[in-house]
Amino acid sequence: MNAKSILTTLVSTTLALGANTCACAADTHRVYSSGILVLLFIGFVALVVVVQMIPAIITLCGLIKGMVADRKTAEAAVKE
């Protein structure tokens, strides 16, 4: 089989399989049905994540400053 017949067979098979499947769409007349407690819980979880990111960012900044300071002292030692 040459490449053209393989490609034709592949495309026709894909189209045949795609035409036989049903579209299982969601019913969207009820978009949001959760209560206020769900929103408060999600907000609390988001707050916990943000509060835990603050020390991580501070530590990362300190690490970068330390690396830059070590590089500057190493360059100064090499120049002397």
N, C-alpha and C. Protein backbone atom coordinates (compact mmCIF):
# COMPACT_ATOMS: atom_id res chain seq x y z
N MET A 1 0.83 -1.17 0.00
CA MET A 1 0.00 0.00 0.00
C MET A 1 0.89 1.25 0.00
N ASN A 2 0.46 2.19 -0.77
CA ASN A 2 1.23 3.42 -0.80
C ASN A 2 0.69 4.39 0.25
N ALA A 3 1.38 5.49 0.42
CA ALA A 3 1.04 6.45 1.46
C ALA A 3 -0.32 7.11 1.21
N LYS A 4 -0.67 7.32 -0.05
CA LYS A 4 -1.94 7.98 -0.36
C LYS A 4 -3.12 7.10 0.02
N SER A 5 -3.05 5.82 -0.25
CA SER A 5 -4.17 4.93 0.10
C SER A 5 -4.26 4.74 1.62
N ILE A 6 -3.13 4.72 2.30
CA ILE A 6 -3.15 4.62 3.76
C ILE A 6 -3.79 5.86 4.36
N LEU A 7 -3.42 7.02 3.85
CA LEU A 7 -3.99 8.27 4.35
C LEU A 7 -5.49 8.34 4.06
N THR A 8 -5.91 7.92 2.88
CA THR A 8 -7.32 7.91 2.53
C THR A 8 -8.11 6.98 3.44
N THR A 9 -7.57 5.79 3.70
CA THR A 9 -8.22 4.84 4.59
C THR A 9 -8.31 5.40 6.01
N LEU A 10 -7.25 6.02 6.47
CA LEU A 10 -7.24 6.59 7.83
C LEU A 10 -8.27 7.70 7.96
N VAL A 11 -8.34 8.58 6.98
CA VAL A 11 -9.30 9.69 7.03
C VAL A 11 -10.72 9.17 6.96
N SER A 12 -11.00 8.24 6.08
CA SER A 12 -12.37 7.72 5.97
C SER A 12 -12.78 6.96 7.23
N THR A 13 -11.87 6.23 7.84
CA THR A 13 -12.17 5.53 9.08
C THR A 13 -12.46 6.51 10.21
N THR A 14 -11.66 7.56 10.28
CA THR A 14 -11.85 8.58 11.31
C THR A 14 -13.20 9.27 11.14
N LEU A 15 -13.54 9.60 9.91
CA LEU A 15 -14.83 10.25 9.66
C LEU A 15 -15.99 9.32 9.98
N ALA A 16 -15.86 8.04 9.64
CA ALA A 16 -16.93 7.09 9.91
C ALA A 16 -17.11 6.91 11.41
N LEU A 17 -16.04 6.82 12.15
CA LEU A 17 -16.15 6.66 13.60
C LEU A 17 -16.69 7.93 14.25
N GLY A 18 -16.28 9.08 13.74
CA GLY A 18 -16.76 10.34 14.30
C GLY A 18 -18.22 10.58 14.03
N ALA A 19 -18.75 10.08 12.92
CA ALA A 19 -20.16 10.28 12.58
C ALA A 19 -21.06 9.37 13.39
N ASN A 20 -20.54 8.27 13.90
CA ASN A 20 -21.37 7.32 14.62
C ASN A 20 -21.47 7.60 16.11
N THR A 21 -20.70 8.53 16.63
CA THR A 21 -20.76 8.80 18.06
C THR A 21 -21.79 9.87 18.34
N CYS A 22 -22.39 9.79 19.51
CA CYS A 22 -23.39 10.77 19.88
C CYS A 22 -22.72 11.96 20.57
N ALA A 23 -23.35 13.10 20.46
CA ALA A 23 -22.87 14.28 21.16
C ALA A 23 -23.52 14.32 22.52
N CYS A 24 -22.74 14.10 23.55
CA CYS A 24 -23.27 14.08 24.91
C CYS A 24 -23.08 15.46 25.52
N ALA A 25 -23.92 16.38 25.18
CA ALA A 25 -23.80 17.74 25.68
C ALA A 25 -24.41 17.83 27.07
N ALA A 26 -23.88 18.77 27.84
CA ALA A 26 -24.38 18.96 29.19
C ALA A 26 -25.63 19.82 29.18
N ASP A 27 -26.47 19.58 30.14
CA ASP A 27 -27.67 20.40 30.30
C ASP A 27 -27.27 21.66 31.05
N THR A 28 -27.39 22.81 30.43
CA THR A 28 -26.84 24.04 31.00
C THR A 28 -27.90 24.98 31.55
N HIS A 29 -29.09 24.51 31.80
CA HIS A 29 -30.08 25.44 32.35
C HIS A 29 -29.82 25.73 33.82
N ARG A 30 -29.06 24.87 34.51
CA ARG A 30 -28.62 25.14 35.88
C ARG A 30 -27.11 25.30 35.86
N VAL A 31 -26.65 26.51 35.77
CA VAL A 31 -25.22 26.75 35.64
C VAL A 31 -24.52 26.60 36.97
N TYR A 32 -25.06 27.21 38.03
CA TYR A 32 -24.40 27.20 39.33
C TYR A 32 -25.43 26.82 40.38
N SER A 33 -25.18 25.76 41.11
CA SER A 33 -26.16 25.32 42.10
C SER A 33 -25.54 25.12 43.48
N SER A 34 -24.29 25.53 43.69
CA SER A 34 -23.66 25.38 45.00
C SER A 34 -24.07 26.53 45.91
N GLY A 35 -23.96 26.29 47.19
CA GLY A 35 -24.37 27.29 48.16
C GLY A 35 -23.23 28.18 48.60
N ILE A 36 -23.53 29.03 49.57
CA ILE A 36 -22.56 29.99 50.07
C ILE A 36 -21.43 29.29 50.83
N LEU A 37 -21.73 28.14 51.46
CA LEU A 37 -20.68 27.44 52.21
C LEU A 37 -19.59 26.91 51.28
N VAL A 38 -19.96 26.50 50.08
CA VAL A 38 -18.97 26.03 49.11
C VAL A 38 -18.06 27.18 48.69
N LEU A 39 -18.67 28.34 48.47
CA LEU A 39 -17.87 29.51 48.11
C LEU A 39 -16.94 29.92 49.24
N LEU A 40 -17.42 29.88 50.46
CA LEU A 40 -16.55 30.22 51.60
C LEU A 40 -15.40 29.23 51.74
N PHE A 41 -15.66 27.94 51.51
CA PHE A 41 -14.60 26.94 51.60
C PHE A 41 -13.55 27.15 50.51
N ILE A 42 -14.00 27.41 49.29
CA ILE A 42 -13.05 27.65 48.20
C ILE A 42 -12.24 28.92 48.47
N GLY A 43 -12.88 29.94 48.99
CA GLY A 43 -12.16 31.16 49.35
C GLY A 43 -11.14 30.92 50.44
N PHE A 44 -11.49 30.11 51.43
CA PHE A 44 -10.55 29.79 52.51
C PHE A 44 -9.35 29.02 51.99
N VAL A 45 -9.59 28.07 51.11
CA VAL A 45 -8.49 27.30 50.52
C VAL A 45 -7.58 28.21 49.71
N ALA A 46 -8.16 29.13 48.94
CA ALA A 46 -7.36 30.08 48.16
C ALA A 46 -6.54 30.97 49.08
N LEU A 47 -7.12 31.39 50.20
CA LEU A 47 -6.40 32.22 51.16
C LEU A 47 -5.22 31.47 51.76
N VAL A 48 -5.42 30.21 52.10
CA VAL A 48 -4.33 29.39 52.66
C VAL A 48 -3.19 29.26 51.65
N VAL A 49 -3.52 29.04 50.39
CA VAL A 49 -2.49 28.91 49.35
C VAL A 49 -1.70 30.20 49.20
N VAL A 50 -2.39 31.33 49.19
CA VAL A 50 -1.70 32.62 49.03
C VAL A 50 -0.82 32.91 50.23
N VAL A 51 -1.30 32.62 51.43
CA VAL A 51 -0.51 32.88 52.64
C VAL A 51 0.72 31.98 52.67
N GLN A 52 0.63 30.77 52.17
CA GLN A 52 1.79 29.90 52.15
C GLN A 52 2.79 30.29 51.06
N MET A 53 2.34 31.02 50.05
CA MET A 53 3.26 31.45 49.00
C MET A 53 4.15 32.60 49.45
N ILE A 54 3.70 33.39 50.42
CA ILE A 54 4.47 34.57 50.85
C ILE A 54 5.85 34.15 51.41
N PRO A 55 5.95 33.21 52.35
CA PRO A 55 7.29 32.81 52.82
C PRO A 55 8.14 32.16 51.73
N ALA A 56 7.48 31.45 50.81
CA ALA A 56 8.24 30.83 49.72
C ALA A 56 8.86 31.89 48.82
N ILE A 57 8.12 32.95 48.53
CA ILE A 57 8.66 34.02 47.70
C ILE A 57 9.78 34.75 48.41
N ILE A 58 9.62 34.99 49.72
CA ILE A 58 10.67 35.65 50.49
C ILE A 58 11.94 34.81 50.50
N THR A 59 11.78 33.49 50.69
CA THR A 59 12.94 32.59 50.68
C THR A 59 13.61 32.58 49.31
N LEU A 60 12.83 32.58 48.25
CA LEU A 60 13.40 32.59 46.90
C LEU A 60 14.18 33.88 46.64
N CYS A 61 13.63 35.01 47.08
CA CYS A 61 14.35 36.28 46.91
C CYS A 61 15.65 36.28 47.68
N GLY A 62 15.64 35.74 48.91
CA GLY A 62 16.86 35.65 49.70
C GLY A 62 17.89 34.74 49.05
N LEU A 63 17.44 33.67 48.47
CA LEU A 63 18.35 32.74 47.78
C LEU A 63 19.00 33.41 46.59
N ILE A 64 18.20 34.14 45.81
CA ILE A 64 18.75 34.83 44.63
C ILE A 64 19.73 35.92 45.05
N LYS A 65 19.39 36.68 46.10
CA LYS A 65 20.31 37.72 46.59
C LYS A 65 21.61 37.11 47.08
N GLY A 66 21.52 35.98 47.76
CA GLY A 66 22.72 35.31 48.24
C GLY A 66 23.59 34.82 47.10
N MET A 67 22.99 34.31 46.05
CA MET A 67 23.76 33.84 44.90
C MET A 67 24.45 35.00 44.20
N VAL A 68 23.75 36.11 44.06
CA VAL A 68 24.34 37.28 43.41
C VAL A 68 25.47 37.83 44.26
N ALA A 69 25.30 37.87 45.58
CA ALA A 69 26.34 38.38 46.47
C ALA A 69 27.57 37.48 46.43
N ASP A 70 27.36 36.15 46.40
CA ASP A 70 28.49 35.21 46.31
C ASP A 70 29.24 35.39 45.00
N ARG A 71 28.52 35.64 43.91
CA ARG A 71 29.18 35.84 42.62
C ARG A 71 30.01 37.12 42.63
N LYS A 72 29.47 38.19 43.24
CA LYS A 72 30.20 39.45 43.28
C LYS A 72 31.45 39.32 44.15
N THR A 73 31.37 38.62 45.27
CA THR A 73 32.57 38.45 46.11
C THR A 73 33.59 37.55 45.41
N ALA A 74 33.13 36.57 44.66
CA ALA A 74 34.06 35.70 43.93
C ALA A 74 34.75 36.48 42.82
N GLU A 75 34.00 37.35 42.11
CA GLU A 75 34.61 38.17 41.06
C GLU A 75 35.60 39.17 41.67
N ALA A 76 35.28 39.71 42.83
CA ALA A 76 36.19 40.67 43.48
C ALA A 76 37.46 39.96 43.93
N ALA A 77 37.35 38.72 44.38
CA ALA A 77 38.52 37.97 44.81
C ALA A 77 39.40 37.61 43.63
N VAL A 78 38.82 37.34 42.49
CA VAL A 78 39.59 36.99 41.31
C VAL A 78 40.34 38.21 40.78
N LYS A 79 39.72 39.39 40.85
CA LYS A 79 40.35 40.61 40.33
C LYS A 79 41.53 41.05 41.19
N GLU A 80 41.51 40.71 42.47
CA GLU A 80 42.61 41.15 43.36
C GLU A 80 43.80 40.31 43.20
